[in-house]
C-alpha atoms as a PDB file:
ATOM      1  CA  UNK A   1      19.506  26.189  11.875  1.00  0.00           C
ATOM      2  CA  UNK A   2      18.230  23.513  14.256  1.00  0.00           C
ATOM      3  CA  UNK A   3      14.827  23.659  12.574  1.00  0.00           C
ATOM      4  CA  UNK A   4      16.398  23.047   9.155  1.00  0.00           C
ATOM      5  CA  UNK A   5      18.424  20.094  10.446  1.00  0.00           C
ATOM      6  CA  UNK A   6      15.306  18.625  12.049  1.00  0.00           C
ATOM      7  CA  UNK A   7      13.309  18.974   8.827  1.00  0.00           C
ATOM      8  CA  UNK A   8      16.166  17.460   6.838  1.00  0.00           C
ATOM      9  CA  UNK A   9      16.327  14.484   9.215  1.00  0.00           C
ATOM     10  CA  UNK A  10      12.558  14.068   8.842  1.00  0.00           C
ATOM     11  CA  UNK A  11      12.933  13.989   5.039  1.00  0.00           C
ATOM     12  CA  UNK A  12      15.710  11.409   5.249  1.00  0.00           C
ATOM     13  CA  UNK A  13      13.671   9.223   7.640  1.00  0.00           C
ATOM     14  CA  UNK A  14      10.643   9.313   5.325  1.00  0.00           C
ATOM     15  CA  UNK A  15      12.796   8.508   2.292  1.00  0.00           C
ATOM     16  CA  UNK A  16      14.335   5.527   4.110  1.00  0.00           C
ATOM     17  CA  UNK A  17      10.871   4.326   5.161  1.00  0.00           C
ATOM     18  CA  UNK A  18       9.629   4.574   1.571  1.00  0.00           C
ATOM     19  CA  UNK A  19      12.654   2.666   0.348  1.00  0.00           C
ATOM     20  CA  UNK A  20      12.150   0.008   3.034  1.00  0.00           C
ATOM     21  CA  UNK A  21       8.598  -0.779   1.918  1.00  0.00           C
ATOM     22  CA  UNK A  22       9.685  -1.047  -1.716  1.00  0.00           C
ATOM     23  CA  UNK A  23      11.229  -3.970  -3.539  1.00  0.00           C
ATOM     24  CA  UNK A  24      14.515  -2.074  -3.806  1.00  0.00           C
ATOM     25  CA  UNK A  25      15.552  -2.564  -0.181  1.00  0.00           C
ATOM     26  CA  UNK A  26      18.619  -4.831  -0.316  1.00  0.00           C
ATOM     27  CA  UNK A  27      20.133  -4.316   3.124  1.00  0.00           C
ATOM     28  CA  UNK A  28      19.498  -7.110   5.601  1.00  0.00           C
ATOM     29  CA  UNK A  29      19.524  -5.281   8.926  1.00  0.00           C
ATOM     30  CA  UNK A  30      19.288  -8.266  11.274  1.00  0.00           C
ATOM     31  CA  UNK A  31      19.783 -11.989  10.975  1.00  0.00           C
ATOM     32  CA  UNK A  32      16.860 -13.824  12.508  1.00  0.00           C
ATOM     33  CA  UNK A  33      13.124 -13.448  12.210  1.00  0.00           C
ATOM     34  CA  UNK A  34      11.072 -10.364  12.773  1.00  0.00           C
ATOM     35  CA  UNK A  35      12.184  -7.459  14.899  1.00  0.00           C
ATOM     36  CA  UNK A  36       9.273  -5.485  16.350  1.00  0.00           C
ATOM     37  CA  UNK A  37       7.085  -7.048  13.665  1.00  0.00           C
ATOM     38  CA  UNK A  38       9.334  -5.895  10.802  1.00  0.00           C
ATOM     39  CA  UNK A  39      10.971  -8.242   8.346  1.00  0.00           C
ATOM     40  CA  UNK A  40      14.700  -7.701   7.768  1.00  0.00           C
ATOM     41  CA  UNK A  41      14.399  -7.632   3.976  1.00  0.00           C
ATOM     42  CA  UNK A  42      11.623  -5.045   3.549  1.00  0.00           C
ATOM     43  CA  UNK A  43       9.421  -5.368   0.447  1.00  0.00           C
ATOM     44  CA  UNK A  44       6.143  -4.721   2.221  1.00  0.00           C
ATOM     45  CA  UNK A  45       4.249  -3.191  -0.692  1.00  0.00           C
ATOM     46  CA  UNK A  46       4.529  -6.388  -2.746  1.00  0.00           C
ATOM     47  CA  UNK A  47       3.382  -8.381   0.264  1.00  0.00           C
ATOM     48  CA  UNK A  48       0.404  -6.074   0.861  1.00  0.00           C
ATOM     49  CA  UNK A  49      -0.639  -6.218  -2.799  1.00  0.00           C
ATOM     50  CA  UNK A  50      -0.137  -9.966  -3.219  1.00  0.00           C
ATOM     51  CA  UNK A  51      -3.356 -11.669  -4.262  1.00  0.00           C
ATOM     52  CA  UNK A  52      -5.043  -8.448  -5.391  1.00  0.00           C
ATOM     53  CA  UNK A  53      -5.615  -7.185  -8.894  1.00  0.00           C
ATOM     54  CA  UNK A  54      -3.165  -4.355  -8.155  1.00  0.00           C
ATOM     55  CA  UNK A  55      -0.138  -6.646  -7.689  1.00  0.00           C
ATOM     56  CA  UNK A  56       1.176  -6.145 -11.266  1.00  0.00           C
ATOM     57  CA  UNK A  57       1.198  -2.388 -10.680  1.00  0.00           C
ATOM     58  CA  UNK A  58       3.339  -2.472  -7.547  1.00  0.00           C
ATOM     59  CA  UNK A  59       6.127  -0.305  -8.968  1.00  0.00           C
ATOM     60  CA  UNK A  60       3.707   2.273 -10.361  1.00  0.00           C
ATOM     61  CA  UNK A  61       1.841   2.426  -7.049  1.00  0.00           C
ATOM     62  CA  UNK A  62       5.110   2.804  -5.129  1.00  0.00           C
ATOM     63  CA  UNK A  63       6.407   5.586  -7.391  1.00  0.00           C
ATOM     64  CA  UNK A  64       3.107   7.490  -7.314  1.00  0.00           C
ATOM     65  CA  UNK A  65       2.702   7.104  -3.556  1.00  0.00           C
ATOM     66  CA  UNK A  66       6.301   8.106  -2.880  1.00  0.00           C
ATOM     67  CA  UNK A  67       5.949  11.160  -5.104  1.00  0.00           C
ATOM     68  CA  UNK A  68       2.770  12.234  -3.325  1.00  0.00           C
ATOM     69  CA  UNK A  69       4.182  11.666   0.155  1.00  0.00           C
ATOM     70  CA  UNK A  70       7.400  13.547  -0.604  1.00  0.00           C
ATOM     71  CA  UNK A  71       5.417  16.377  -2.243  1.00  0.00           C
ATOM     72  CA  UNK A  72       3.178  16.762   0.810  1.00  0.00           C
ATOM     73  CA  UNK A  73       6.217  16.634   3.067  1.00  0.00           C
ATOM     74  CA  UNK A  74       7.880  19.358   0.979  1.00  0.00           C
ATOM     75  CA  UNK A  75       4.775  21.519   1.278  1.00  0.00           C
ATOM     76  CA  UNK A  76       4.754  20.963   5.032  1.00  0.00           C
ATOM     77  CA  UNK A  77       8.410  21.964   5.356  1.00  0.00           C
ATOM     78  CA  UNK A  78       7.822  25.026   3.165  1.00  0.00           C
ATOM     79  CA  UNK A  79       4.906  26.010   5.397  1.00  0.00           C
ATOM     80  CA  UNK A  80       6.877  25.473   8.587  1.00  0.00           C
ATOM     81  CA  UNK A  81      10.005  27.254   7.395  1.00  0.00           C
ATOM     82  CA  UNK A  82       8.351  30.232   5.693  1.00  0.00           C
ATOM     83  CA  UNK A  83       8.909  33.627   7.269  1.00  0.00           C
ATOM     84  CA  UNK A  84       5.936  35.160   9.057  1.00  0.00           C
ATOM     85  CA  UNK A  85       3.626  37.142   6.788  1.00  0.00           C
ATOM     86  CA  UNK A  86       3.502  40.906   7.116  1.00  0.00           C
ATOM     87  CA  UNK A  87       0.446  43.071   6.611  1.00  0.00           C
ATOM     88  CA  UNK A  88       2.015  45.032   3.756  1.00  0.00           C
ATOM     89  CA  UNK A  89       3.634  47.683   5.912  1.00  0.00           C
ATOM     90  CA  UNK A  90       7.204  48.605   5.182  1.00  0.00           C
ATOM     91  CA  UNK A  91       9.520  49.564   7.973  1.00  0.00           C
ATOM     92  CA  UNK A  92      12.394  51.895   7.226  1.00  0.00           C
END
């Protein structure tokens, strides 16, 4: 049970982080300046891509990257939460 809650919290934290780097982050968490080097309004992917030839594809890059990250995280949680394999023996 604790393992499942921990994995669920990990998924939520990753989803929030992915949302924070996107243009869809609308919550202003603090009022002034940077906090630990983070801007209050998010939108880091657009900032990182600004001035490159990939800037027009920001949304496509974000969707693809988010899909891949969440897929890998799902595979990791499936691996960690799978029951131990047996050697084919049945116990009665």
